[in-house]
Protein backbone atom coordinates (compact mmCIF):
# COMPACT_ATOMS: atom_id res chain seq x y z
CA UNK A 1 -4.82 -18.39 -22.47
CA UNK A 2 -1.61 -19.71 -20.94
CA UNK A 3 0.19 -22.41 -22.89
CA UNK A 4 0.77 -24.53 -19.79
CA UNK A 5 -0.23 -24.29 -16.09
CA UNK A 6 3.43 -23.86 -15.13
CA UNK A 7 3.30 -20.49 -16.90
CA UNK A 8 1.38 -19.21 -13.85
CA UNK A 9 4.61 -19.70 -11.90
CA UNK A 10 6.93 -18.56 -14.66
CA UNK A 11 4.95 -15.38 -15.31
CA UNK A 12 4.15 -14.53 -11.68
CA UNK A 13 5.22 -11.01 -10.61
CA UNK A 14 4.98 -9.05 -7.32
CA UNK A 15 2.18 -6.79 -8.57
CA UNK A 16 -0.24 -9.55 -7.55
CA UNK A 17 0.42 -8.58 -3.92
CA UNK A 18 -1.54 -5.40 -4.61
CA UNK A 19 -4.63 -7.64 -4.55
CA UNK A 20 -3.85 -8.45 -0.92
CA UNK A 21 -3.39 -4.77 -0.13
CA UNK A 22 -6.70 -3.72 -1.65
CA UNK A 23 -8.66 -6.57 -0.09
CA UNK A 24 -7.06 -6.16 3.31
CA UNK A 25 -7.66 -2.42 3.54
CA UNK A 26 -11.34 -2.88 2.69
CA UNK A 27 -11.56 -5.48 5.46
CA UNK A 28 -10.21 -2.88 7.90
CA UNK A 29 -12.44 -0.05 6.67
CA UNK A 30 -15.83 -1.80 6.76
CA UNK A 31 -16.04 -2.21 10.57
CA UNK A 32 -15.39 1.51 11.00
CA UNK A 33 -18.41 2.71 9.04
CA UNK A 34 -20.66 5.04 11.03
CA UNK A 35 -23.61 3.24 12.58
CA UNK A 36 -23.32 -0.07 10.74
CA UNK A 37 -19.65 -0.84 11.30
CA UNK A 38 -20.10 -3.52 14.00
CA UNK A 39 -22.58 -5.40 11.81
CA UNK A 40 -20.02 -5.47 8.99
CA UNK A 41 -17.25 -6.90 11.16
CA UNK A 42 -17.90 -10.52 10.05
CA UNK A 43 -17.51 -9.40 6.42
CA UNK A 44 -14.26 -7.73 7.39
CA UNK A 45 -13.05 -10.96 8.99
CA UNK A 46 -13.96 -12.87 5.83
CA UNK A 47 -12.16 -10.43 3.55
CA UNK A 48 -9.09 -10.44 5.78
CA UNK A 49 -9.08 -14.25 5.70
CA UNK A 50 -9.21 -14.16 1.91
CA UNK A 51 -6.35 -11.65 1.86
CA UNK A 52 -4.31 -13.91 4.14
CA UNK A 53 -4.93 -16.94 1.94
CA UNK A 54 -3.97 -14.99 -1.18
CA UNK A 55 -0.80 -13.72 0.47
CA UNK A 56 0.30 -17.26 1.30
CA UNK A 57 -0.53 -18.46 -2.22
CA UNK A 58 1.31 -15.56 -3.82
CA UNK A 59 4.36 -16.10 -1.60
CA UNK A 60 4.38 -19.73 -2.68
CA UNK A 61 4.08 -18.87 -6.36
CA UNK A 62 6.79 -16.23 -6.23
CA UNK A 63 9.14 -18.48 -4.27
CA UNK A 64 8.50 -21.25 -6.81
CA UNK A 65 9.35 -18.87 -9.64
CA UNK A 66 12.70 -18.08 -8.07
CA UNK A 67 13.44 -21.77 -7.52
CA UNK A 68 12.31 -22.97 -10.95
CA UNK A 69 12.97 -19.94 -13.15
CA UNK A 70 15.53 -17.98 -11.18
CA UNK A 71 17.45 -16.85 -14.27
CA UNK A 72 14.32 -15.05 -15.46
CA UNK A 73 13.03 -13.95 -12.04
CA UNK A 74 16.22 -12.00 -11.25
CA UNK A 75 15.64 -9.78 -14.28
CA UNK A 76 13.08 -7.86 -12.27
CA UNK A 77 15.89 -5.88 -10.65
CA UNK A 78 16.83 -4.46 -14.03
CA UNK A 79 13.24 -3.62 -14.97
CA UNK A 80 12.37 0.00 -14.36
CA UNK A 81 8.66 -0.60 -13.73
CA UNK A 82 8.23 -4.17 -12.49
CA UNK A 83 10.90 -3.67 -9.82
CA UNK A 84 8.80 -0.94 -8.20
CA UNK A 85 6.14 -3.49 -7.32
CA UNK A 86 8.51 -5.34 -5.02
CA UNK A 87 7.33 -2.74 -2.51
CA UNK A 88 3.85 -4.26 -2.57
CA UNK A 89 5.14 -7.35 -0.73
CA UNK A 90 5.91 -5.62 2.62
CA UNK A 91 2.84 -3.39 2.25
CA UNK A 92 0.64 -6.46 1.81
CA UNK A 93 2.22 -7.94 4.94
CA UNK A 94 1.55 -4.69 6.85
CA UNK A 95 -2.10 -4.85 5.88
CA UNK A 96 -2.36 -8.40 7.18
CA UNK A 97 -0.66 -7.46 10.46
CA UNK A 98 -3.19 -4.66 10.96
CA UNK A 99 -5.98 -7.11 10.33
CA UNK A 100 -4.42 -9.54 12.79
CA UNK A 101 -4.53 -6.85 15.47
CA UNK A 102 -8.17 -6.01 14.69
CA UNK A 103 -9.58 -9.49 14.15
CA UNK A 104 -6.99 -11.78 15.71
CA UNK A 105 -8.38 -11.87 19.24
CA UNK A 106 -11.41 -13.84 18.12
CA UNK A 107 -9.40 -16.15 15.87
CA UNK A 108 -6.08 -16.88 17.58
CA UNK A 109 -6.58 -16.02 21.28
CA UNK A 110 -3.58 -14.31 22.92
CA UNK A 111 -1.03 -15.75 20.50
CA UNK A 112 -1.97 -13.18 17.88
CA UNK A 113 -0.03 -10.39 19.62
CA UNK A 114 3.25 -12.30 19.58
CA UNK A 115 2.63 -13.33 15.97
CA UNK A 116 1.91 -9.74 14.94
CA UNK A 117 5.02 -8.51 16.75
CA UNK A 118 7.31 -11.03 15.04
CA UNK A 119 5.81 -10.41 11.61
CA UNK A 120 6.15 -6.66 12.09
CA UNK A 121 9.92 -6.88 12.42
CA UNK A 122 10.03 -8.95 9.23
CA UNK A 123 7.95 -6.23 7.60
CA UNK A 124 10.32 -3.55 8.89
CA UNK A 125 13.33 -5.30 7.38
CA UNK A 126 11.62 -5.76 4.02
CA UNK A 127 10.42 -2.15 3.96
CA UNK A 128 13.83 -0.73 4.77
CA UNK A 129 15.42 -2.87 2.05
CA UNK A 130 12.85 -1.82 -0.57
CA UNK A 131 13.02 1.82 0.42
CA UNK A 132 16.70 2.15 -0.37
CA UNK A 133 17.42 -0.85 -2.61
CA UNK A 134 15.04 -0.03 -5.44
CA UNK A 135 16.04 3.67 -5.61
CA UNK A 136 19.66 2.52 -5.73
CA UNK A 137 18.81 0.39 -8.77
CA UNK A 138 17.12 3.42 -10.32
CA UNK A 139 20.32 5.43 -9.84
CA UNK A 140 22.67 2.74 -11.17
CA UNK A 141 20.89 0.35 -13.58
CA UNK A 142 17.52 1.54 -14.81
CA UNK A 143 17.11 3.48 -18.02
CA UNK A 144 14.61 6.17 -17.14
CA UNK A 145 13.69 9.72 -18.07
CA UNK A 146 11.45 12.36 -16.55
CA UNK A 147 8.72 11.85 -19.13
CA UNK A 148 8.52 8.15 -18.19
CA UNK A 149 7.92 8.89 -14.51
CA UNK A 150 4.64 7.80 -12.93
CA UNK A 151 3.44 7.51 -9.35
CA UNK A 152 4.49 3.85 -9.47
CA UNK A 153 7.91 5.13 -8.40
CA UNK A 154 6.40 5.71 -4.95
CA UNK A 155 5.70 2.03 -4.23
CA UNK A 156 9.07 0.92 -2.82
CA UNK A 157 9.51 4.15 -0.85
CA UNK A 158 6.05 4.16 0.77
CA UNK A 159 6.46 0.65 2.24
CA UNK A 160 8.38 2.03 5.25
CA UNK A 161 5.70 4.52 6.28
CA UNK A 162 3.05 1.80 5.98
CA UNK A 163 5.16 -0.30 8.35
CA UNK A 164 5.46 2.73 10.64
CA UNK A 165 1.70 3.19 10.81
CA UNK A 166 1.35 -0.52 11.55
CA UNK A 167 3.86 -0.13 14.37
CA UNK A 168 1.65 2.60 15.78
CA UNK A 169 -1.28 0.18 15.85
CA UNK A 170 0.86 -2.56 17.36
CA UNK A 171 2.57 -0.66 20.20
CA UNK A 172 -0.37 -0.35 22.66
CA UNK A 173 -1.12 -4.08 22.31
CA UNK A 174 2.29 -5.02 23.72
CA UNK A 175 2.63 -5.80 27.43
CA UNK A 176 6.24 -4.78 28.00
CA UNK A 177 6.66 -1.01 28.29
CA UNK A 178 10.23 -1.11 27.00
CA UNK A 179 9.16 -3.02 23.90
CA UNK A 180 6.31 -0.53 23.39
CA UNK A 181 8.83 2.30 23.42
CA UNK A 182 11.14 0.55 20.96
CA UNK A 183 8.28 -0.13 18.54
CA UNK A 184 6.98 3.45 18.76
CA UNK A 185 10.40 5.03 18.24
CA UNK A 186 11.11 2.67 15.35
CA UNK A 187 7.78 3.64 13.82
CA UNK A 188 8.70 7.31 13.92
CA UNK A 189 12.00 6.49 12.21
CA UNK A 190 10.17 4.51 9.53
CA UNK A 191 7.82 7.45 8.96
CA UNK A 192 10.73 9.87 8.48
CA UNK A 193 12.56 7.29 6.34
CA UNK A 194 9.68 7.39 3.86
CA UNK A 195 7.38 10.41 3.96
CA UNK A 196 9.89 13.20 3.13
CA UNK A 197 11.22 11.17 0.19
CA UNK A 198 7.68 10.42 -1.02
CA UNK A 199 6.65 14.07 -0.81
CA UNK A 200 9.78 15.05 -2.76
CA UNK A 201 8.83 12.56 -5.45
CA UNK A 202 5.29 13.95 -5.56
CA UNK A 203 6.70 17.43 -6.23
CA UNK A 204 8.69 16.04 -9.16
CA UNK A 205 5.62 14.14 -10.35
CA UNK A 206 3.63 17.38 -10.52
CA UNK A 207 6.38 18.90 -12.66
CA UNK A 208 6.45 15.82 -14.90
CA UNK A 209 2.69 15.99 -15.51
CA UNK A 210 2.84 19.71 -16.20
CA UNK A 211 5.62 19.26 -18.76
CA UNK A 212 4.62 15.96 -20.40
CA UNK A 213 0.92 15.69 -19.49
CA UNK A 214 -0.77 12.46 -18.41
CA UNK A 215 0.82 9.04 -18.92
CA UNK A 216 -0.57 6.35 -21.20
CA UNK A 217 -4.13 5.21 -20.43
CA UNK A 218 -2.82 1.82 -19.33
CA UNK A 219 -1.26 3.64 -16.37
CA UNK A 220 -4.45 5.56 -15.52
CA UNK A 221 -4.76 4.02 -12.06
CA UNK A 222 -1.34 5.37 -11.10
CA UNK A 223 -2.93 8.80 -10.62
CA UNK A 224 -4.43 7.44 -7.39
CA UNK A 225 -1.14 6.15 -6.00
CA UNK A 226 -0.15 9.64 -4.90
CA UNK A 227 -2.97 9.51 -2.37
CA UNK A 228 -1.23 6.57 -0.68
CA UNK A 229 1.78 8.26 0.98
CA UNK A 230 -0.35 11.25 1.94
CA UNK A 231 -3.04 9.11 3.56
CA UNK A 232 -0.59 6.73 5.21
CA UNK A 233 1.56 9.64 6.39
CA UNK A 234 -1.46 11.22 8.07
CA UNK A 235 -2.60 7.92 9.55
CA UNK A 236 0.85 7.15 10.91
CA UNK A 237 1.24 10.48 12.69
CA UNK A 238 -2.25 10.23 14.17
CA UNK A 239 -1.78 6.70 15.46
CA UNK A 240 1.75 7.21 16.78
CA UNK A 241 0.74 10.50 18.38
CA UNK A 242 -2.16 8.76 20.06
CA UNK A 243 0.23 6.19 21.56
CA UNK A 244 2.87 8.69 22.64
CA UNK A 245 1.41 10.11 25.91
CA UNK A 246 0.94 6.76 27.62
CA UNK A 247 4.17 5.18 26.37
CA UNK A 248 6.46 8.18 26.93
CA UNK A 249 4.99 8.94 30.38
CA UNK A 250 6.17 5.56 31.66
CA UNK A 251 9.71 6.60 30.73
CA UNK A 252 9.46 10.01 32.41
CA UNK A 253 8.76 11.86 29.16
CA UNK A 254 5.17 12.94 29.78
CA UNK A 255 5.63 16.40 28.24
CA UNK A 256 7.21 14.91 25.12
CA UNK A 257 4.26 12.55 24.81
CA UNK A 258 1.79 15.44 24.84
CA UNK A 259 3.84 17.33 22.27
CA UNK A 260 3.96 14.24 20.05
CA UNK A 261 0.20 13.88 20.36
CA UNK A 262 -0.35 17.49 19.33
CA UNK A 263 2.06 17.24 16.42
CA UNK A 264 0.34 14.05 15.35
CA UNK A 265 -3.08 15.68 15.20
CA UNK A 266 -1.91 18.85 13.44
CA UNK A 267 0.31 17.09 10.90
CA UNK A 268 -2.35 14.44 10.31
CA UNK A 269 -4.91 17.13 9.59
CA UNK A 270 -2.50 19.01 7.30
CA UNK A 271 -1.68 15.87 5.32
CA UNK A 272 -5.38 14.98 5.16
CA UNK A 273 -6.04 18.38 3.57
CA UNK A 274 -3.29 17.71 1.02
CA UNK A 275 -5.03 14.42 0.35
CA UNK A 276 -8.23 16.26 -0.52
CA UNK A 277 -6.33 18.01 -3.32
CA UNK A 278 -4.89 14.74 -4.63
CA UNK A 279 -8.26 13.01 -4.36
CA UNK A 280 -10.05 15.68 -6.39
CA UNK A 281 -7.23 15.74 -8.95
CA UNK A 282 -7.33 11.94 -9.27
CA UNK A 283 -11.08 12.08 -9.88
CA UNK A 284 -10.66 14.67 -12.64
CA UNK A 285 -7.81 12.71 -14.25
CA UNK A 286 -9.82 9.47 -14.12
CA UNK A 287 -12.84 11.16 -15.69
CA UNK A 288 -10.61 12.33 -18.55
CA UNK A 289 -9.22 8.83 -19.07
CA UNK A 290 -12.74 7.35 -19.08
CA UNK A 291 -13.61 9.30 -22.21
CA UNK A 292 -11.35 7.04 -24.27
CA UNK A 293 -11.65 3.93 -22.12
CA UNK A 294 -9.21 2.45 -19.63
CA UNK A 295 -7.85 -1.03 -20.40
CA UNK A 296 -8.03 -3.36 -17.42
CA UNK A 297 -4.81 -4.54 -15.79
CA UNK A 298 -3.61 -5.37 -12.30
CA UNK A 299 -2.71 -1.72 -11.92
CA UNK A 300 -6.41 -1.12 -11.26
CA UNK A 301 -5.75 -2.24 -7.68
CA UNK A 302 -4.11 1.16 -7.39
CA UNK A 303 -7.65 2.53 -7.13
CA UNK A 304 -8.21 0.66 -3.86
CA UNK A 305 -5.34 0.73 -1.36
CA UNK A 306 -4.52 4.48 -1.58
CA UNK A 307 -8.20 5.31 -1.14
CA UNK A 308 -8.38 2.80 1.69
CA UNK A 309 -5.51 4.26 3.75
CA UNK A 310 -6.88 7.76 3.19
CA UNK A 311 -10.23 6.49 4.46
CA UNK A 312 -8.53 5.01 7.53
CA UNK A 313 -6.85 8.36 8.22
CA UNK A 314 -10.24 10.05 7.91
CA UNK A 315 -11.78 7.76 10.53
CA UNK A 316 -8.80 8.29 12.85
CA UNK A 317 -9.17 12.07 12.57
CA UNK A 318 -12.78 11.72 13.60
CA UNK A 319 -11.70 9.81 16.72
CA UNK A 320 -8.83 12.14 17.65
CA UNK A 321 -10.85 15.34 17.11
CA UNK A 322 -14.16 13.88 18.30
CA UNK A 323 -15.88 15.16 15.18
CA UNK A 324 -18.62 13.08 13.56
CA UNK A 325 -17.99 14.89 10.27
CA UNK A 326 -14.92 12.78 9.57
CA UNK A 327 -16.84 9.62 10.36
CA UNK A 328 -19.45 10.51 7.77
CA UNK A 329 -16.81 11.33 5.17
CA UNK A 330 -15.06 8.07 5.99
CA UNK A 331 -18.29 6.18 5.46
CA UNK A 332 -18.80 7.77 2.04
CA UNK A 333 -15.22 6.90 1.10
CA UNK A 334 -15.73 3.32 2.32
CA UNK A 335 -18.79 2.94 0.11
CA UNK A 336 -16.75 4.18 -2.86
CA UNK A 337 -13.93 1.82 -1.90
CA UNK A 338 -16.34 -1.12 -1.72
CA UNK A 339 -17.79 -0.39 -5.14
CA UNK A 340 -14.33 -0.11 -6.68
CA UNK A 341 -13.17 -3.29 -4.97
CA UNK A 342 -16.14 -5.22 -6.37
CA UNK A 343 -15.36 -4.04 -9.90
CA UNK A 344 -11.62 -4.68 -9.70
CA UNK A 345 -11.95 -8.02 -7.92
CA UNK A 346 -14.46 -9.25 -10.49
CA UNK A 347 -12.28 -8.21 -13.41
CA UNK A 348 -9.24 -9.77 -11.74
CA UNK A 349 -10.97 -13.12 -11.23
CA UNK A 350 -12.05 -13.16 -14.87
CA UNK A 351 -8.59 -12.18 -16.11
CA UNK A 352 -6.83 -14.71 -13.89
CA UNK A 353 -9.16 -17.51 -15.04
CA UNK A 354 -8.49 -16.62 -18.68
CA UNK A 355 -4.77 -16.33 -17.99
CA UNK A 356 -4.46 -12.83 -19.40
CA UNK A 357 -3.12 -11.32 -16.19
CA UNK A 358 -0.17 -13.67 -15.82
CA UNK A 359 2.54 -11.90 -17.76
CA UNK A 360 6.07 -10.95 -16.85
CA UNK A 361 7.80 -8.18 -18.81
CA UNK A 362 11.10 -9.32 -17.38
CA UNK A 363 11.01 -12.38 -19.64
CA UNK A 364 10.53 -10.47 -22.88
CA UNK A 365 12.83 -7.58 -21.98
CA UNK A 366 16.63 -7.85 -21.61
CA UNK A 367 18.14 -7.46 -18.17
CA UNK A 368 19.10 -3.81 -18.68
CA UNK A 369 15.93 -1.83 -18.19
CA UNK A 370 13.29 -1.35 -20.86
CA UNK A 371 11.62 1.22 -23.02
CA UNK A 372 8.14 2.59 -22.50
CA UNK A 373 6.64 0.65 -25.38
CA UNK A 374 7.83 -2.69 -24.05
CA UNK A 375 6.63 -1.75 -20.58
CA UNK A 376 3.11 -0.99 -21.78
CA UNK A 377 2.83 -4.06 -23.95
CA UNK A 378 4.35 -6.51 -21.52
CA UNK A 379 3.30 -5.20 -18.13
CA UNK A 380 0.63 -2.57 -17.98
CA UNK A 381 -2.18 -4.00 -20.05
CA UNK A 382 -1.82 -7.56 -18.82
CA UNK A 383 -2.02 -9.15 -22.24
């Protein structure tokens, strides 16, 4: 139990934005379920509204922490784990922008397009800053070693490709053809800004797990994070490739648009296949962790968003290839995502009410990085 209500502000950290990501991606997946998707749209709207409210609350809490406890809040930049979760802020915003495009017409009339467009550029700026700023801190300030590596390292890097996929969804909604082209080209740049780096990190992660085996059970959910850049990378190429023929044709680049569409489908399918490997591996790793029990922490939201974006890529493949198979697989994945969301959301509500989940390792640790033991005690288990 927290000593005082103000501790909610003092102990607030960016990992709470993962709640918005997991809730928002479920809201987007439910209406796409085969057969029953349209009937689930109102539930999707409700979940997206909850995600929006949480995002605004979390932004307020984090801003208040910087205003009231700035000397402690700034320590996050020297923390080799907590700093990675800064990337969840732009990814949460991306999820809300996608929901705005899907549900906004019935809620905000035509104004939702302009709102989504403006927010997207904010998201782009945040994603670009996270994608290079946090790795720079890793290279200059953080005390890390290969055996301490987990998939959490992906979070700041992946934000840009999430923004790129969102740009792919946004582009066809825009009226001005020049603006459409700018958004689409920017989205491709965001994809290339992120995906090659993320795949390089995944290769190193495989080596780390082969040499040092699995991380501590408190980081069990991180095994699913690797599915995120693969799923988002596939989704981004599929969506941007789908936009390319119409947008590039207007600018006299019809052949390039068709090539981009083909590359999008092929690369999306290839990345989806890589995702199958990561998904099966994550299931095996989770089953191993379950033997000894997995302590609950906010990291459990890592079970939701990566699975959600992979599910979205699965549905998109079904549309692009006109194959019902992918729709059925997407529906199965959505059911699994829903079950996991219910478990994690329930545990999060209970933990937040008890105050156990409001803890900031940056307060206990000095502003010069931290050891693994302090990380696990102060951040991962939420106690």
